[in-house]
Protein backbone atom coordinates (compact mmCIF):
# COMPACT_ATOMS: atom_id res chain seq x y z
CA UNK A 1 90.47 71.15 74.75
CA UNK A 2 90.99 72.17 78.36
CA UNK A 3 87.40 71.37 79.32
CA UNK A 4 85.49 68.16 78.94
CA UNK A 5 82.77 68.73 76.32
CA UNK A 6 80.14 68.16 78.98
CA UNK A 7 81.32 71.26 80.86
CA UNK A 8 80.68 73.52 77.89
CA UNK A 9 77.11 74.83 77.49
CA UNK A 10 75.03 72.83 75.02
CA UNK A 11 74.68 75.79 72.63
CA UNK A 12 78.46 76.21 72.51
CA UNK A 13 78.96 72.50 71.90
CA UNK A 14 76.48 72.57 69.03
CA UNK A 15 78.34 75.48 67.43
CA UNK A 16 81.75 73.81 67.80
CA UNK A 17 83.08 76.43 70.23
CA UNK A 18 86.33 75.44 71.94
CA UNK A 19 88.30 76.60 74.98
CA UNK A 20 91.96 75.92 74.24
CA UNK A 21 95.25 76.40 76.13
CA UNK A 22 97.35 79.32 74.92
CA UNK A 23 100.85 79.63 76.37
CA UNK A 24 101.61 79.62 80.08
CA UNK A 25 98.80 81.94 81.18
CA UNK A 26 96.22 81.97 78.42
CA UNK A 27 92.97 80.38 77.30
CA UNK A 28 91.56 80.90 73.84
CA UNK A 29 87.83 80.82 73.16
CA UNK A 30 87.58 79.86 69.48
CA UNK A 31 84.24 80.06 67.72
CA UNK A 32 85.37 78.77 64.31
CA UNK A 33 88.49 77.97 62.30
CA UNK A 34 87.64 80.42 59.50
CA UNK A 35 86.22 83.94 59.52
CA UNK A 36 82.60 82.97 58.99
CA UNK A 37 80.33 85.98 59.54
CA UNK A 38 78.55 84.47 62.58
CA UNK A 39 81.88 83.57 64.20
CA UNK A 40 83.35 87.05 63.72
CA UNK A 41 80.18 88.59 65.15
CA UNK A 42 80.19 86.11 68.05
CA UNK A 43 83.81 86.91 68.88
CA UNK A 44 83.06 90.64 68.97
CA UNK A 45 79.94 90.15 71.10
CA UNK A 46 81.66 87.75 73.51
CA UNK A 47 84.60 90.15 73.88
CA UNK A 48 82.15 92.96 74.71
CA UNK A 49 80.43 90.74 77.28
CA UNK A 50 83.63 89.50 78.91
CA UNK A 51 84.99 93.07 79.07
CA UNK A 52 82.21 94.02 81.47
CA UNK A 53 82.28 90.82 83.55
CA UNK A 54 83.75 90.67 87.05
CA UNK A 55 86.97 88.74 86.34
CA UNK A 56 89.62 90.16 88.72
CA UNK A 57 92.09 87.42 87.78
CA UNK A 58 92.37 88.65 84.18
CA UNK A 59 95.57 90.32 83.01
CA UNK A 60 94.51 90.90 79.42
CA UNK A 61 91.58 90.29 77.11
CA UNK A 62 92.19 90.33 73.35
CA UNK A 63 89.76 89.72 70.48
CA UNK A 64 90.66 88.27 67.10
CA UNK A 65 88.69 87.48 63.95
CA UNK A 66 86.96 84.40 65.38
CA UNK A 67 88.35 84.08 68.91
CA UNK A 68 88.95 85.83 72.22
CA UNK A 69 92.14 85.39 74.26
CA UNK A 70 91.98 85.43 78.06
CA UNK A 71 95.33 85.96 79.83
CA UNK A 72 95.01 85.19 83.54
CA UNK A 73 97.10 85.72 86.67
CA UNK A 74 98.16 82.21 87.66
CA UNK A 75 98.85 83.37 91.23
CA UNK A 76 95.12 84.08 91.63
CA UNK A 77 93.44 81.25 89.72
CA UNK A 78 94.22 77.88 88.16
CA UNK A 79 93.84 77.28 84.46
CA UNK A 80 91.01 74.81 85.09
CA UNK A 81 89.05 77.25 87.28
CA UNK A 82 89.58 80.04 84.75
CA UNK A 83 88.20 77.75 82.02
CA UNK A 84 85.13 77.03 84.14
CA UNK A 85 84.43 80.74 84.62
CA UNK A 86 84.80 81.31 80.88
CA UNK A 87 82.39 78.43 80.25
CA UNK A 88 79.91 80.07 82.60
CA UNK A 89 80.14 83.28 80.55
CA UNK A 90 79.54 81.30 77.36
CA UNK A 91 76.41 79.76 78.87
CA UNK A 92 74.76 83.15 79.41
CA UNK A 93 73.81 83.76 75.74
CA UNK A 94 73.37 82.11 72.37
CA UNK A 95 76.43 83.57 70.66
CA UNK A 96 75.39 82.45 67.19
CA UNK A 97 72.49 84.92 67.29
CA UNK A 98 74.23 87.67 69.27
CA UNK A 99 75.29 91.05 67.90
CA UNK A 100 78.06 93.32 69.21
CA UNK A 101 77.07 96.35 71.23
CA UNK A 102 77.02 99.63 69.27
CA UNK A 103 80.47 101.15 68.78
CA UNK A 104 81.31 104.01 71.11
CA UNK A 105 83.78 105.47 68.60
CA UNK A 106 83.31 105.99 64.87
CA UNK A 107 86.27 106.81 62.63
CA UNK A 108 85.94 108.45 59.20
CA UNK A 109 89.19 108.01 57.31
CA UNK A 110 89.96 109.58 53.90
CA UNK A 111 91.23 107.12 51.28
CA UNK A 112 92.17 107.43 47.60
CA UNK A 113 91.06 104.48 45.48
CA UNK A 114 92.53 103.08 42.28
CA UNK A 115 95.44 104.27 40.16
CA UNK A 116 98.81 104.38 41.88
CA UNK A 117 97.04 104.28 45.26
CA UNK A 118 95.03 101.16 44.45
CA UNK A 119 96.66 99.27 41.58
CA UNK A 120 94.55 96.15 42.18
CA UNK A 121 91.17 97.91 42.37
CA UNK A 122 90.04 97.05 38.85
CA UNK A 123 91.01 93.38 39.19
CA UNK A 124 89.42 93.08 42.64
CA UNK A 125 86.22 94.79 41.47
CA UNK A 126 85.99 92.43 38.48
CA UNK A 127 86.31 89.41 40.80
CA UNK A 128 83.52 90.89 42.93
CA UNK A 129 81.35 91.32 39.83
CA UNK A 130 81.38 95.11 40.03
CA UNK A 131 82.57 98.14 38.09
CA UNK A 132 85.37 100.01 39.91
CA UNK A 133 83.12 102.98 40.74
CA UNK A 134 80.41 100.66 42.11
CA UNK A 135 83.06 98.79 44.12
CA UNK A 136 84.26 102.02 45.73
CA UNK A 137 80.68 103.04 46.50
CA UNK A 138 79.90 99.68 48.12
CA UNK A 139 83.05 99.64 50.25
CA UNK A 140 82.58 103.22 51.45
CA UNK A 141 78.90 102.58 52.25
CA UNK A 142 79.68 99.48 54.33
CA UNK A 143 79.76 100.12 58.11
CA UNK A 144 83.07 98.48 59.07
CA UNK A 145 84.29 97.39 62.50
CA UNK A 146 87.85 96.88 63.72
CA UNK A 147 87.74 93.09 64.06
CA UNK A 148 91.30 92.65 65.32
CA UNK A 149 94.68 94.36 65.49
CA UNK A 150 97.76 92.34 64.68
CA UNK A 151 100.35 90.94 62.27
CA UNK A 152 102.20 94.27 62.59
CA UNK A 153 101.95 96.87 65.41
CA UNK A 154 98.62 98.69 65.28
CA UNK A 155 97.54 97.06 62.02
CA UNK A 156 93.73 96.70 61.86
CA UNK A 157 91.64 94.05 60.16
CA UNK A 158 88.32 95.61 59.12
CA UNK A 159 85.05 93.96 58.13
CA UNK A 160 82.99 92.39 57.17
CA UNK A 161 82.34 93.43 53.58
CA UNK A 162 79.36 92.05 51.61
CA UNK A 163 79.57 88.48 50.32
CA UNK A 164 80.70 89.66 46.88
CA UNK A 165 84.06 90.50 48.49
CA UNK A 166 84.75 86.96 49.68
CA UNK A 167 87.82 86.97 47.44
CA UNK A 168 90.74 84.57 47.61
CA UNK A 169 94.22 85.98 48.08
CA UNK A 170 96.44 86.61 45.06
CA UNK A 171 98.19 83.62 43.54
CA UNK A 172 101.49 85.54 43.54
CA UNK A 173 102.87 87.65 46.37
CA UNK A 174 102.96 91.41 45.95
CA UNK A 175 106.55 92.12 47.08
CA UNK A 176 105.57 95.36 48.82
CA UNK A 177 102.64 97.68 49.42
CA UNK A 178 103.30 101.08 51.03
CA UNK A 179 102.47 102.24 54.51
CA UNK A 180 98.80 103.21 54.52
CA UNK A 181 97.85 100.74 51.80
CA UNK A 182 94.34 99.31 52.05
CA UNK A 183 94.08 95.76 50.74
CA UNK A 184 91.15 93.36 50.40
CA UNK A 185 90.56 89.60 50.74
CA UNK A 186 88.05 87.22 52.36
CA UNK A 187 85.50 90.01 53.05
CA UNK A 188 88.05 92.01 55.03
CA UNK A 189 90.23 95.07 54.57
CA UNK A 190 93.68 95.54 56.06
CA UNK A 191 95.14 99.00 56.60
CA UNK A 192 98.91 98.48 56.55
CA UNK A 193 100.82 100.19 59.33
CA UNK A 194 104.13 99.72 57.49
CA UNK A 195 105.34 98.84 54.02
CA UNK A 196 104.94 95.09 53.65
CA UNK A 197 104.70 92.17 51.24
CA UNK A 198 101.19 90.72 50.97
CA UNK A 199 98.98 88.33 49.09
CA UNK A 200 96.02 90.72 49.46
CA UNK A 201 94.96 93.11 46.66
CA UNK A 202 95.73 96.80 47.19
CA UNK A 203 92.69 98.86 46.26
CA UNK A 204 93.36 102.17 48.04
CA UNK A 205 95.69 104.14 50.28
CA UNK A 206 95.27 106.45 53.26
CA UNK A 207 97.52 108.91 55.11
CA UNK A 208 96.14 107.63 58.45
CA UNK A 209 98.88 106.04 60.59
CA UNK A 210 97.50 103.15 62.71
CA UNK A 211 100.80 102.90 64.63
CA UNK A 212 102.43 105.99 66.16
CA UNK A 213 105.34 104.92 68.40
CA UNK A 214 105.99 108.46 69.67
CA UNK A 215 102.35 109.23 70.51
CA UNK A 216 100.03 108.31 73.38
CA UNK A 217 98.26 106.11 72.62
CA UNK A 218 100.62 104.56 70.07
CA UNK A 219 97.71 102.61 68.59
CA UNK A 220 94.72 104.93 68.09
CA UNK A 221 92.27 102.27 66.88
CA UNK A 222 90.67 99.75 69.22
CA UNK A 223 88.96 96.46 68.52
CA UNK A 224 85.24 97.15 68.20
CA UNK A 225 85.63 100.68 66.80
CA UNK A 226 83.38 101.50 63.86
CA UNK A 227 85.06 102.83 60.75
CA UNK A 228 84.01 104.34 57.42
CA UNK A 229 86.28 105.06 54.46
CA UNK A 230 85.69 108.44 52.81
CA UNK A 231 86.82 108.63 49.15
CA UNK A 232 89.21 111.44 48.19
CA UNK A 233 91.22 112.21 45.06
CA UNK A 234 94.83 111.27 44.54
CA UNK A 235 95.82 114.95 44.85
CA UNK A 236 93.97 115.25 48.16
CA UNK A 237 95.73 112.18 49.48
CA UNK A 238 99.10 113.52 48.36
CA UNK A 239 98.47 116.73 50.29
CA UNK A 240 97.52 114.74 53.40
CA UNK A 241 100.69 112.63 53.12
CA UNK A 242 102.85 115.74 52.66
CA UNK A 243 101.31 117.42 55.71
CA UNK A 244 102.94 114.84 57.98
CA UNK A 245 99.84 114.64 60.18
CA UNK A 246 99.53 111.00 61.35
CA UNK A 247 95.74 111.42 61.57
CA UNK A 248 95.72 111.78 57.78
CA UNK A 249 92.56 113.86 57.88
CA UNK A 250 90.65 111.26 59.90
CA UNK A 251 87.89 112.29 62.30
CA UNK A 252 86.88 110.25 65.37
CA UNK A 253 83.38 110.71 66.76
CA UNK A 254 82.83 109.59 70.35
CA UNK A 255 79.37 108.22 71.11
CA UNK A 256 79.92 107.08 74.68
């Protein structure tokens, strides 16, 4: 750790929160090693809080599943002083009981479940103790948030799903899922921005493109956005894919 434990607020110490060095100009606030629900919620809430704080030395602020990365300008502040200011932010609330602020943007994204678009749906639903139709209903009724963007450009991690979806990854690697595949594991969904191998189970597919290199912005989703999957038929998805529209029929509602 960068800081002595005594410099962290008592509530953060009790929760095992750490402030860790990250490269030449970064500090990582890590709430937990695994994506426990409280830690994911704490990371979102702390990111929201830090985003509105007066920190002129910051170059970049990035959330992840259970952590928040602070990249600072080392010509304006030392690493130690940056860590102290982060500790002061941590001391302002009990992050274990915090909730993120309401999303200012809500996405509704069409997705076709099962069949060729979700070959692992039946197996994943069985592991979750559900019939496939009940699994689709539960997933589409769950208010999701964009927890993090990474692994591939623009690729969102969405969650958290109910506890029934705390599924382990596959024992064997799926050699490739297509662009737009939606896969599930550990109470999260990933919407693949490109064709990719994965150990997650593909349950659906969408025509929505989360990475658009020729557009502005190239990454339409932002960490903290709310998102709901809207079930459509395989034929409807095929028509959306053939249209070539990178939005894939998605609608974004601004609530700012």
